[in-house]
Amino acid sequence: SKAVGEPPLLLPFSVFFAIRDAVASVGFHKIHPPLNAPATSEEILKAVEAVQAAAGSNA
């Protein structure tokens, strides 16, 4: 059988979307987090703060 490049291509997406889901949980999954790749620690913190601010304004 031939090896394909799909697993190495698709596995990082699961990490990115798991991070995005964790950030969305801060706003009880009601707010779409503004998270772009690459999801560095600084970008994740910015997204968490944006979700917290949006959740606070929606309360």
PDB file of N, CA and C in Angstrom:
ATOM      1  N   SER A   1       0.836  -1.184   0.000  1.00  0.00           N
ATOM      2  CA  SER A   1       0.000   0.000   0.000  1.00  0.00           C
ATOM      3  C   SER A   1       0.879   1.245   0.000  1.00  0.00           C
ATOM      4  N   LYS A   2       0.317   2.294  -0.543  1.00  0.00           N
ATOM      5  CA  LYS A   2       1.062   3.549  -0.616  1.00  0.00           C
ATOM      6  C   LYS A   2       0.759   4.404   0.617  1.00  0.00           C
ATOM      7  N   ALA A   3       1.757   5.110   1.028  1.00  0.00           N
ATOM      8  CA  ALA A   3       1.554   6.061   2.125  1.00  0.00           C
ATOM      9  C   ALA A   3       0.964   7.346   1.550  1.00  0.00           C
ATOM     10  N   VAL A   4       0.052   7.920   2.280  1.00  0.00           N
ATOM     11  CA  VAL A   4      -0.553   9.176   1.837  1.00  0.00           C
ATOM     12  C   VAL A   4      -0.203  10.274   2.834  1.00  0.00           C
ATOM     13  N   GLY A   5      -0.277  11.497   2.381  1.00  0.00           N
ATOM     14  CA  GLY A   5       0.081  12.625   3.228  1.00  0.00           C
ATOM     15  C   GLY A   5      -1.070  13.221   4.003  1.00  0.00           C
ATOM     16  N   GLU A   6      -2.237  12.574   3.976  1.00  0.00           N
ATOM     17  CA  GLU A   6      -3.398  13.157   4.641  1.00  0.00           C
ATOM     18  C   GLU A   6      -3.278  13.210   6.170  1.00  0.00           C
ATOM     19  N   PRO A   7      -2.859  12.147   6.862  1.00  0.00           N
ATOM     20  CA  PRO A   7      -2.789  12.247   8.327  1.00  0.00           C
ATOM     21  C   PRO A   7      -1.890  13.382   8.824  1.00  0.00           C
ATOM     22  N   PRO A   8      -0.685  13.555   8.287  1.00  0.00           N
ATOM     23  CA  PRO A   8       0.121  14.676   8.777  1.00  0.00           C
ATOM     24  C   PRO A   8      -0.489  16.032   8.447  1.00  0.00           C
ATOM     25  N   LEU A   9      -1.288  16.094   7.398  1.00  0.00           N
ATOM     26  CA  LEU A   9      -1.934  17.347   7.035  1.00  0.00           C
ATOM     27  C   LEU A   9      -3.143  17.627   7.922  1.00  0.00           C
ATOM     28  N   LEU A  10      -3.904  16.603   8.259  1.00  0.00           N
ATOM     29  CA  LEU A  10      -5.162  16.793   8.978  1.00  0.00           C
ATOM     30  C   LEU A  10      -5.029  16.794  10.497  1.00  0.00           C
ATOM     31  N   LEU A  11      -4.021  16.133  11.044  1.00  0.00           N
ATOM     32  CA  LEU A  11      -3.895  16.065  12.500  1.00  0.00           C
ATOM     33  C   LEU A  11      -3.722  17.433  13.159  1.00  0.00           C
ATOM     34  N   PRO A  12      -2.968  18.362  12.577  1.00  0.00           N
ATOM     35  CA  PRO A  12      -2.870  19.687  13.217  1.00  0.00           C
ATOM     36  C   PRO A  12      -4.204  20.425  13.293  1.00  0.00           C
ATOM     37  N   PHE A  13      -5.118  20.137  12.364  1.00  0.00           N
ATOM     38  CA  PHE A  13      -6.431  20.776  12.421  1.00  0.00           C
ATOM     39  C   PHE A  13      -7.173  20.393  13.696  1.00  0.00           C
ATOM     40  N   SER A  14      -7.014  19.149  14.146  1.00  0.00           N
ATOM     41  CA  SER A  14      -7.704  18.728  15.366  1.00  0.00           C
ATOM     42  C   SER A  14      -7.204  19.518  16.569  1.00  0.00           C
ATOM     43  N   VAL A  15      -5.918  19.825  16.598  1.00  0.00           N
ATOM     44  CA  VAL A  15      -5.366  20.623  17.694  1.00  0.00           C
ATOM     45  C   VAL A  15      -5.914  22.041  17.638  1.00  0.00           C
ATOM     46  N   PHE A  16      -5.915  22.639  16.442  1.00  0.00           N
ATOM     47  CA  PHE A  16      -6.407  24.008  16.288  1.00  0.00           C
ATOM     48  C   PHE A  16      -7.874  24.111  16.692  1.00  0.00           C
ATOM     49  N   PHE A  17      -8.692  23.179  16.230  1.00  0.00           N
ATOM     50  CA  PHE A  17     -10.115  23.247  16.546  1.00  0.00           C
ATOM     51  C   PHE A  17     -10.398  22.899  18.006  1.00  0.00           C
ATOM     52  N   ALA A  18      -9.547  22.093  18.638  1.00  0.00           N
ATOM     53  CA  ALA A  18      -9.698  21.836  20.072  1.00  0.00           C
ATOM     54  C   ALA A  18      -9.405  23.105  20.867  1.00  0.00           C
ATOM     55  N   ILE A  19      -8.380  23.848  20.455  1.00  0.00           N
ATOM     56  CA  ILE A  19      -8.072  25.125  21.106  1.00  0.00           C
ATOM     57  C   ILE A  19      -9.221  26.100  20.890  1.00  0.00           C
ATOM     58  N   ARG A  20      -9.721  26.162  19.668  1.00  0.00           N
ATOM     59  CA  ARG A  20     -10.827  27.072  19.347  1.00  0.00           C
ATOM     60  C   ARG A  20     -12.077  26.722  20.161  1.00  0.00           C
ATOM     61  N   ASP A  21     -12.335  25.430  20.335  1.00  0.00           N
ATOM     62  CA  ASP A  21     -13.478  24.997  21.136  1.00  0.00           C
ATOM     63  C   ASP A  21     -13.281  25.369  22.606  1.00  0.00           C
ATOM     64  N   ALA A  22     -12.053  25.242  23.103  1.00  0.00           N
ATOM     65  CA  ALA A  22     -11.768  25.622  24.488  1.00  0.00           C
ATOM     66  C   ALA A  22     -11.965  27.119  24.691  1.00  0.00           C
ATOM     67  N   VAL A  23     -11.542  27.919  23.711  1.00  0.00           N
ATOM     68  CA  VAL A  23     -11.739  29.367  23.805  1.00  0.00           C
ATOM     69  C   VAL A  23     -13.230  29.691  23.750  1.00  0.00           C
ATOM     70  N   ALA A  24     -13.972  29.006  22.910  1.00  0.00           N
ATOM     71  CA  ALA A  24     -15.416  29.242  22.808  1.00  0.00           C
ATOM     72  C   ALA A  24     -16.126  28.885  24.108  1.00  0.00           C
ATOM     73  N   SER A  25     -15.595  27.932  24.854  1.00  0.00           N
ATOM     74  CA  SER A  25     -16.238  27.531  26.108  1.00  0.00           C
ATOM     75  C   SER A  25     -16.204  28.644  27.146  1.00  0.00           C
ATOM     76  N   VAL A  26     -15.278  29.584  26.994  1.00  0.00           N
ATOM     77  CA  VAL A  26     -15.227  30.728  27.908  1.00  0.00           C
ATOM     78  C   VAL A  26     -16.521  31.533  27.810  1.00  0.00           C
ATOM     79  N   GLY A  27     -17.071  31.618  26.608  1.00  0.00           N
ATOM     80  CA  GLY A  27     -18.336  32.329  26.395  1.00  0.00           C
ATOM     81  C   GLY A  27     -19.521  31.398  26.308  1.00  0.00           C
ATOM     82  N   PHE A  28     -19.401  30.208  26.900  1.00  0.00           N
ATOM     83  CA  PHE A  28     -20.466  29.199  26.918  1.00  0.00           C
ATOM     84  C   PHE A  28     -20.913  28.819  25.507  1.00  0.00           C
ATOM     85  N   HIS A  29     -19.974  28.822  24.571  1.00  0.00           N
ATOM     86  CA  HIS A  29     -20.186  28.417  23.172  1.00  0.00           C
ATOM     87  C   HIS A  29     -21.240  29.260  22.462  1.00  0.00           C
ATOM     88  N   LYS A  30     -21.483  30.475  22.943  1.00  0.00           N
ATOM     89  CA  LYS A  30     -22.447  31.364  22.298  1.00  0.00           C
ATOM     90  C   LYS A  30     -21.761  32.380  21.393  1.00  0.00           C
ATOM     91  N   ILE A  31     -20.438  32.475  21.493  1.00  0.00           N
ATOM     92  CA  ILE A  31     -19.671  33.477  20.757  1.00  0.00           C
ATOM     93  C   ILE A  31     -18.596  32.774  19.947  1.00  0.00           C
ATOM     94  N   HIS A  32     -18.510  33.135  18.692  1.00  0.00           N
ATOM     95  CA  HIS A  32     -17.490  32.587  17.801  1.00  0.00           C
ATOM     96  C   HIS A  32     -16.154  33.254  18.120  1.00  0.00           C
ATOM     97  N   PRO A  33     -15.152  32.487  18.576  1.00  0.00           N
ATOM     98  CA  PRO A  33     -13.888  33.110  18.953  1.00  0.00           C
ATOM     99  C   PRO A  33     -13.099  33.611  17.742  1.00  0.00           C
ATOM    100  N   PRO A  34     -12.528  34.810  17.849  1.00  0.00           N
ATOM    101  CA  PRO A  34     -11.725  35.351  16.753  1.00  0.00           C
ATOM    102  C   PRO A  34     -10.307  34.796  16.803  1.00  0.00           C
ATOM    103  N   LEU A  35     -10.142  33.544  16.425  1.00  0.00           N
ATOM    104  CA  LEU A  35      -8.838  32.890  16.503  1.00  0.00           C
ATOM    105  C   LEU A  35      -8.374  32.517  15.107  1.00  0.00           C
ATOM    106  N   ASN A  36      -7.199  32.995  14.755  1.00  0.00           N
ATOM    107  CA  ASN A  36      -6.606  32.683  13.458  1.00  0.00           C
ATOM    108  C   ASN A  36      -5.358  31.840  13.653  1.00  0.00           C
ATOM    109  N   ALA A  37      -5.008  31.091  12.635  1.00  0.00           N
ATOM    110  CA  ALA A  37      -3.780  30.303  12.667  1.00  0.00           C
ATOM    111  C   ALA A  37      -2.616  31.207  12.286  1.00  0.00           C
ATOM    112  N   PRO A  38      -1.475  31.048  12.867  1.00  0.00           N
ATOM    113  CA  PRO A  38      -1.109  30.081  13.898  1.00  0.00           C
ATOM    114  C   PRO A  38      -1.624  30.515  15.265  1.00  0.00           C
ATOM    115  N   ALA A  39      -2.078  29.560  16.024  1.00  0.00           N
ATOM    116  CA  ALA A  39      -2.662  29.837  17.335  1.00  0.00           C
ATOM    117  C   ALA A  39      -1.555  29.885  18.385  1.00  0.00           C
ATOM    118  N   THR A  40      -0.832  30.997  18.397  1.00  0.00           N
ATOM    119  CA  THR A  40       0.215  31.173  19.401  1.00  0.00           C
ATOM    120  C   THR A  40      -0.436  31.467  20.747  1.00  0.00           C
ATOM    121  N   SER A  41       0.344  31.403  21.794  1.00  0.00           N
ATOM    122  CA  SER A  41      -0.211  31.672  23.124  1.00  0.00           C
ATOM    123  C   SER A  41      -0.750  33.094  23.220  1.00  0.00           C
ATOM    124  N   GLU A  42      -0.105  34.035  22.547  1.00  0.00           N
ATOM    125  CA  GLU A  42      -0.590  35.418  22.555  1.00  0.00           C
ATOM    126  C   GLU A  42      -1.931  35.535  21.836  1.00  0.00           C
ATOM    127  N   GLU A  43      -2.068  34.857  20.703  1.00  0.00           N
ATOM    128  CA  GLU A  43      -3.323  34.893  19.947  1.00  0.00           C
ATOM    129  C   GLU A  43      -4.454  34.217  20.713  1.00  0.00           C
ATOM    130  N   ILE A  44      -4.134  33.144  21.413  1.00  0.00           N
ATOM    131  CA  ILE A  44      -5.145  32.459  22.223  1.00  0.00           C
ATOM    132  C   ILE A  44      -5.614  33.379  23.346  1.00  0.00           C
ATOM    133  N   LEU A  45      -4.677  34.073  24.002  1.00  0.00           N
ATOM    134  CA  LEU A  45      -5.041  34.999  25.069  1.00  0.00           C
ATOM    135  C   LEU A  45      -5.903  36.138  24.532  1.00  0.00           C
ATOM    136  N   LYS A  46      -5.552  36.680  23.367  1.00  0.00           N
ATOM    137  CA  LYS A  46      -6.361  37.744  22.757  1.00  0.00           C
ATOM    138  C   LYS A  46      -7.775  37.245  22.462  1.00  0.00           C
ATOM    139  N   ALA A  47      -7.881  36.018  21.963  1.00  0.00           N
ATOM    140  CA  ALA A  47      -9.194  35.451  21.648  1.00  0.00           C
ATOM    141  C   ALA A  47     -10.013  35.236  22.918  1.00  0.00           C
ATOM    142  N   VAL A  48      -9.374  34.757  23.980  1.00  0.00           N
ATOM    143  CA  VAL A  48     -10.076  34.557  25.252  1.00  0.00           C
ATOM    144  C   VAL A  48     -10.582  35.893  25.783  1.00  0.00           C
ATOM    145  N   GLU A  49      -9.733  36.917  25.726  1.00  0.00           N
ATOM    146  CA  GLU A  49     -10.142  38.238  26.210  1.00  0.00           C
ATOM    147  C   GLU A  49     -11.283  38.805  25.368  1.00  0.00           C
ATOM    148  N   ALA A  50     -11.244  38.580  24.057  1.00  0.00           N
ATOM    149  CA  ALA A  50     -12.319  39.059  23.185  1.00  0.00           C
ATOM    150  C   ALA A  50     -13.634  38.348  23.487  1.00  0.00           C
ATOM    151  N   VAL A  51     -13.565  37.047  23.733  1.00  0.00           N
ATOM    152  CA  VAL A  51     -14.777  36.286  24.061  1.00  0.00           C
ATOM    153  C   VAL A  51     -15.320  36.725  25.416  1.00  0.00           C
ATOM    154  N   GLN A  52     -14.428  36.948  26.382  1.00  0.00           N
ATOM    155  CA  GLN A  52     -14.876  37.422  27.698  1.00  0.00           C
ATOM    156  C   GLN A  52     -15.547  38.785  27.584  1.00  0.00           C
ATOM    157  N   ALA A  53     -14.965  39.678  26.798  1.00  0.00           N
ATOM    158  CA  ALA A  53     -15.541  41.013  26.625  1.00  0.00           C
ATOM    159  C   ALA A  53     -16.900  40.931  25.933  1.00  0.00           C
ATOM    160  N   ALA A  54     -16.999  40.096  24.913  1.00  0.00           N
ATOM    161  CA  ALA A  54     -18.266  39.951  24.196  1.00  0.00           C
ATOM    162  C   ALA A  54     -19.317  39.284  25.075  1.00  0.00           C
ATOM    163  N   ALA A  55     -18.909  38.317  25.867  1.00  0.00           N
ATOM    164  CA  ALA A  55     -19.853  37.644  26.762  1.00  0.00           C
ATOM    165  C   ALA A  55     -20.331  38.598  27.844  1.00  0.00           C
ATOM    166  N   GLY A  56     -19.445  39.474  28.296  1.00  0.00           N
ATOM    167  CA  GLY A  56     -19.828  40.460  29.302  1.00  0.00           C
ATOM    168  C   GLY A  56     -20.805  41.479  28.761  1.00  0.00           C
ATOM    169  N   SER A  57     -20.648  41.840  27.493  1.00  0.00           N
ATOM    170  CA  SER A  57     -21.552  42.823  26.894  1.00  0.00           C
ATOM    171  C   SER A  57     -22.888  42.202  26.512  1.00  0.00           C
ATOM    172  N   ASN A  58     -22.918  40.870  26.363  1.00  0.00           N
ATOM    173  CA  ASN A  58     -24.164  40.185  26.015  1.00  0.00           C
ATOM    174  C   ASN A  58     -24.957  39.779  27.251  1.00  0.00           C
ATOM    175  N   ALA A  59     -24.351  39.915  28.413  1.00  0.00           N
ATOM    176  CA  ALA A  59     -25.025  39.468  29.641  1.00  0.00           C
ATOM    177  C   ALA A  59     -26.085  40.444  30.091  1.00  0.00           C
TER     178      ALA A  59
END
